[in-house]
C-alpha atoms as a PDB file:
ATOM      1  CA  MET A   1       5.311  -3.999  34.030  1.00  0.00           C
ATOM      2  CA  ILE A   2       7.055  -5.082  30.832  1.00  0.00           C
ATOM      3  CA  LYS A   3       4.976  -5.524  27.709  1.00  0.00           C
ATOM      4  CA  ILE A   4       6.130  -8.338  25.427  1.00  0.00           C
ATOM      5  CA  ARG A   5       5.754  -7.471  21.778  1.00  0.00           C
ATOM      6  CA  SER A   6       3.690  -9.935  19.779  1.00  0.00           C
ATOM      7  CA  ARG A   7       6.425 -10.297  17.177  1.00  0.00           C
ATOM      8  CA  ARG A   8       8.934 -11.295  19.830  1.00  0.00           C
ATOM      9  CA  ALA A   9       6.446 -13.788  21.171  1.00  0.00           C
ATOM     10  CA  LYS A  10       5.955 -15.193  17.677  1.00  0.00           C
ATOM     11  CA  SER A  11       9.726 -15.494  17.170  1.00  0.00           C
ATOM     12  CA  ALA A  12      10.077 -17.091  20.578  1.00  0.00           C
ATOM     13  CA  THR A  13       7.272 -19.528  19.714  1.00  0.00           C
ATOM     14  CA  ALA A  14       9.032 -20.448  16.467  1.00  0.00           C
ATOM     15  CA  ALA A  15      12.316 -20.957  18.317  1.00  0.00           C
ATOM     16  CA  GLY A  16      10.510 -23.016  20.947  1.00  0.00           C
ATOM     17  CA  ALA A  17       8.899 -25.162  18.273  1.00  0.00           C
ATOM     18  CA  LEU A  18      12.285 -25.796  16.700  1.00  0.00           C
ATOM     19  CA  LEU A  19      13.813 -26.684  20.062  1.00  0.00           C
ATOM     20  CA  ALA A  20      10.879 -28.935  20.941  1.00  0.00           C
ATOM     21  CA  GLY A  21      11.218 -30.697  17.609  1.00  0.00           C
ATOM     22  CA  LEU A  22      14.933 -31.218  18.137  1.00  0.00           C
ATOM     23  CA  LEU A  23      14.306 -32.615  21.605  1.00  0.00           C
ATOM     24  CA  GLY A  24      11.515 -34.859  20.383  1.00  0.00           C
ATOM     25  CA  GLY A  25       8.802 -32.925  22.177  1.00  0.00           C
ATOM     26  CA  VAL A  26       5.435 -31.877  20.811  1.00  0.00           C
ATOM     27  CA  LEU A  27       4.226 -28.291  20.696  1.00  0.00           C
ATOM     28  CA  ALA A  28       0.503 -27.812  20.217  1.00  0.00           C
ATOM     29  CA  GLY A  29      -1.134 -24.652  18.974  1.00  0.00           C
ATOM     30  CA  ALA A  30      -2.114 -22.848  15.834  1.00  0.00           C
ATOM     31  CA  PRO A  31       0.635 -21.206  13.784  1.00  0.00           C
ATOM     32  CA  SER A  32       0.688 -17.437  13.442  1.00  0.00           C
ATOM     33  CA  ALA A  33      -0.598 -15.880  10.215  1.00  0.00           C
ATOM     34  CA  THR A  34       2.967 -15.227   9.065  1.00  0.00           C
ATOM     35  CA  ALA A  35       4.135 -18.730   9.899  1.00  0.00           C
ATOM     36  CA  ALA A  36       1.125 -20.244   8.132  1.00  0.00           C
ATOM     37  CA  ALA A  37       1.951 -18.342   4.935  1.00  0.00           C
ATOM     38  CA  ALA A  38       5.678 -18.986   5.187  1.00  0.00           C
ATOM     39  CA  ASP A  39       7.548 -22.161   5.979  1.00  0.00           C
ATOM     40  CA  SER A  40      10.570 -20.962   7.941  1.00  0.00           C
ATOM     41  CA  PRO A  41      12.507 -17.871   8.935  1.00  0.00           C
ATOM     42  CA  CYS A  42      14.663 -16.336   6.211  1.00  0.00           C
ATOM     43  CA  SER A  43      18.181 -17.212   7.236  1.00  0.00           C
ATOM     44  CA  TYR A  44      20.487 -15.394   4.813  1.00  0.00           C
ATOM     45  CA  GLY A  45      20.644 -12.988   1.904  1.00  0.00           C
ATOM     46  CA  ALA A  46      20.912 -14.735  -1.444  1.00  0.00           C
ATOM     47  CA  TYR A  47      22.181 -13.438  -4.742  1.00  0.00           C
ATOM     48  CA  LEU A  48      19.551 -14.484  -7.274  1.00  0.00           C
ATOM     49  CA  TYR A  49      20.532 -14.396 -10.925  1.00  0.00           C
ATOM     50  CA  ASN A  50      18.013 -14.151 -13.736  1.00  0.00           C
ATOM     51  CA  LYS A  51      19.596 -15.928 -16.677  1.00  0.00           C
ATOM     52  CA  VAL A  52      16.571 -15.336 -18.911  1.00  0.00           C
ATOM     53  CA  THR A  53      15.478 -11.690 -18.669  1.00  0.00           C
ATOM     54  CA  ASN A  54      18.764 -10.081 -17.608  1.00  0.00           C
ATOM     55  CA  PRO A  55      21.764 -12.430 -17.485  1.00  0.00           C
ATOM     56  CA  THR A  56      24.128  -9.604 -16.422  1.00  0.00           C
ATOM     57  CA  SER A  57      22.401  -8.707 -13.144  1.00  0.00           C
ATOM     58  CA  TYR A  58      21.342 -10.171  -9.834  1.00  0.00           C
ATOM     59  CA  LYS A  59      18.982  -9.391  -6.927  1.00  0.00           C
ATOM     60  CA  TYR A  60      20.000  -9.655  -3.269  1.00  0.00           C
ATOM     61  CA  VAL A  61      16.952 -10.988  -1.388  1.00  0.00           C
ATOM     62  CA  PRO A  62      16.131 -12.639   1.953  1.00  0.00           C
ATOM     63  CA  TYR A  63      16.225 -16.399   1.530  1.00  0.00           C
ATOM     64  CA  ALA A  64      16.073 -19.636   3.494  1.00  0.00           C
ATOM     65  CA  THR A  65      17.457 -23.087   2.987  1.00  0.00           C
ATOM     66  CA  GLY A  66      15.024 -25.311   1.149  1.00  0.00           C
ATOM     67  CA  ASP A  67      12.277 -23.290  -0.503  1.00  0.00           C
ATOM     68  CA  GLY A  68      13.485 -19.733   0.077  1.00  0.00           C
ATOM     69  CA  SER A  69      10.398 -18.240  -1.533  1.00  0.00           C
ATOM     70  CA  LYS A  70       8.339 -19.150   1.522  1.00  0.00           C
ATOM     71  CA  CYS A  71      10.407 -17.637   4.334  1.00  0.00           C
ATOM     72  CA  TRP A  72       9.567 -14.843   6.788  1.00  0.00           C
ATOM     73  CA  LEU A  73      11.241 -12.116   8.875  1.00  0.00           C
ATOM     74  CA  ASP A  74       9.911 -10.059  11.754  1.00  0.00           C
ATOM     75  CA  TRP A  75      10.864  -7.762  14.607  1.00  0.00           C
ATOM     76  CA  GLY A  76      13.713  -8.943  16.799  1.00  0.00           C
ATOM     77  CA  MET A  77      15.419 -11.135  14.211  1.00  0.00           C
ATOM     78  CA  SER A  78      19.081 -10.573  13.357  1.00  0.00           C
ATOM     79  CA  ASN A  79      20.841 -12.115  10.346  1.00  0.00           C
ATOM     80  CA  THR A  80      22.007 -11.475   6.780  1.00  0.00           C
ATOM     81  CA  ALA A  81      18.463 -11.911   5.456  1.00  0.00           C
ATOM     82  CA  VAL A  82      17.414  -8.842   7.455  1.00  0.00           C
ATOM     83  CA  ARG A  83      20.453  -7.035   6.004  1.00  0.00           C
ATOM     84  CA  ALA A  84      19.247  -7.914   2.484  1.00  0.00           C
ATOM     85  CA  LEU A  85      15.800  -6.500   3.289  1.00  0.00           C
ATOM     86  CA  GLN A  86      17.311  -3.317   4.761  1.00  0.00           C
ATOM     87  CA  LYS A  87      19.561  -2.868   1.730  1.00  0.00           C
ATOM     88  CA  ASN A  88      16.562  -3.133  -0.584  1.00  0.00           C
ATOM     89  CA  LEU A  89      14.418  -0.762   1.482  1.00  0.00           C
ATOM     90  CA  ASN A  90      17.252   1.770   1.173  1.00  0.00           C
ATOM     91  CA  SER A  91      17.976   1.170  -2.499  1.00  0.00           C
ATOM     92  CA  CYS A  92      14.464   0.991  -3.942  1.00  0.00           C
ATOM     93  CA  TYR A  93      12.394   2.970  -1.450  1.00  0.00           C
ATOM     94  CA  GLY A  94      14.782   5.726  -0.332  1.00  0.00           C
ATOM     95  CA  TYR A  95      15.201   4.810   3.327  1.00  0.00           C
ATOM     96  CA  ARG A  96      18.484   5.339   5.159  1.00  0.00           C
ATOM     97  CA  LEU A  97      18.421   2.346   7.448  1.00  0.00           C
ATOM     98  CA  ALA A  98      21.608   1.001   8.951  1.00  0.00           C
ATOM     99  CA  THR A  99      22.275  -2.264   7.126  1.00  0.00           C
ATOM    100  CA  ASP A 100      23.212  -3.945  10.393  1.00  0.00           C
ATOM    101  CA  GLY A 101      21.014  -7.025   9.989  1.00  0.00           C
ATOM    102  CA  ASP A 102      18.913  -6.188  13.075  1.00  0.00           C
ATOM    103  CA  PHE A 103      15.144  -6.049  12.497  1.00  0.00           C
ATOM    104  CA  GLY A 104      14.223  -3.289  14.923  1.00  0.00           C
ATOM    105  CA  ASP A 105      11.737  -0.439  15.116  1.00  0.00           C
ATOM    106  CA  LEU A 106      13.133   1.550  12.148  1.00  0.00           C
ATOM    107  CA  THR A 107      13.174  -1.465   9.832  1.00  0.00           C
ATOM    108  CA  GLU A 108       9.661  -2.390  10.922  1.00  0.00           C
ATOM    109  CA  SER A 109       8.400   1.167  10.362  1.00  0.00           C
ATOM    110  CA  ALA A 110       9.978   1.326   6.885  1.00  0.00           C
ATOM    111  CA  LEU A 111       8.510  -2.065   5.978  1.00  0.00           C
ATOM    112  CA  ILE A 112       5.018  -1.036   7.127  1.00  0.00           C
ATOM    113  CA  SER A 113       5.227   2.087   4.935  1.00  0.00           C
ATOM    114  CA  VAL A 114       6.312   0.007   1.935  1.00  0.00           C
ATOM    115  CA  GLN A 115       3.582  -2.572   2.596  1.00  0.00           C
ATOM    116  CA  LYS A 116       0.992   0.221   2.527  1.00  0.00           C
ATOM    117  CA  LYS A 117       2.493   1.586  -0.690  1.00  0.00           C
ATOM    118  CA  VAL A 118       2.453  -1.779  -2.500  1.00  0.00           C
ATOM    119  CA  GLY A 119      -0.997  -2.788  -1.231  1.00  0.00           C
ATOM    120  CA  VAL A 120      -0.330  -5.742   1.064  1.00  0.00           C
ATOM    121  CA  ARG A 121      -1.256  -6.212   4.714  1.00  0.00           C
ATOM    122  CA  ALA A 122       0.756  -3.577   6.601  1.00  0.00           C
ATOM    123  CA  ASP A 123       1.755  -5.625   9.648  1.00  0.00           C
ATOM    124  CA  GLY A 124       5.519  -5.084   9.634  1.00  0.00           C
ATOM    125  CA  ASP A 125       6.208  -8.770   9.004  1.00  0.00           C
ATOM    126  CA  TYR A 126       8.099  -9.767   5.847  1.00  0.00           C
ATOM    127  CA  GLY A 127       6.813 -12.859   4.045  1.00  0.00           C
ATOM    128  CA  PRO A 128       5.999 -14.166   0.567  1.00  0.00           C
ATOM    129  CA  ASN A 129       3.187 -11.661  -0.108  1.00  0.00           C
ATOM    130  CA  THR A 130       5.363  -8.692   0.802  1.00  0.00           C
ATOM    131  CA  ARG A 131       8.324 -10.067  -1.150  1.00  0.00           C
ATOM    132  CA  ASP A 132       6.235 -10.571  -4.285  1.00  0.00           C
ATOM    133  CA  ALA A 133       4.701  -7.083  -4.099  1.00  0.00           C
ATOM    134  CA  MET A 134       7.949  -5.178  -3.422  1.00  0.00           C
ATOM    135  CA  ALA A 135      10.278  -3.812  -6.069  1.00  0.00           C
ATOM    136  CA  TRP A 136      13.745  -5.355  -5.811  1.00  0.00           C
ATOM    137  CA  ALA A 137      17.024  -3.802  -6.877  1.00  0.00           C
ATOM    138  CA  ASN A 138      18.901  -5.272  -9.818  1.00  0.00           C
ATOM    139  CA  TYR A 139      22.681  -5.050  -9.441  1.00  0.00           C
ATOM    140  CA  SER A 140      25.317  -5.300 -12.160  1.00  0.00           C
ATOM    141  CA  MET A 141      27.320  -8.531 -11.968  1.00  0.00           C
ATOM    142  CA  GLU A 142      30.310  -6.640 -13.386  1.00  0.00           C
ATOM    143  CA  THR A 143      30.384  -3.598 -11.098  1.00  0.00           C
ATOM    144  CA  GLY A 144      27.944  -4.328  -8.262  1.00  0.00           C
ATOM    145  CA  ALA A 145      26.196  -1.002  -8.948  1.00  0.00           C
ATOM    146  CA  ARG A 146      22.422  -0.785  -8.769  1.00  0.00           C
ATOM    147  CA  ILE A 147      20.882  -0.811 -12.238  1.00  0.00           C
ATOM    148  CA  SER A 148      17.170  -0.484 -11.470  1.00  0.00           C
ATOM    149  CA  CYS A 149      14.365  -1.502  -9.149  1.00  0.00           C
ATOM    150  CA  ASN A 150      11.497  -3.667 -10.377  1.00  0.00           C
END
């Protein structure tokens, strides 16, 4: 018997909802806790520049089209947004994850540990609450080297 992971089911539900919407269908049901707190999956890693507090650095964070501050990632996803999360887990929290963009068991385990450390719900799903609580690496615009994590 094969056990389907709840995160895969949630991702499949989100994909199904998107497909149903594109086909004009209707999908009934309550959104998951992650989906309720976040609008859409993070789709890419974005270079965010802070022109006010440090105009010579940037942060590389998971982002989505539209309002990127309300996106989510979870197990089974694969894209550059996952790569941005992995890079930050390595840079600011000392993990040695492959930055392959695949949200698998090791990325989930590292994220759960960080969620416990920063005091948010340790469910292994990345969303706005986790993003806001995590430290993010600042990189030099000139050299690309990591300056600090905050």
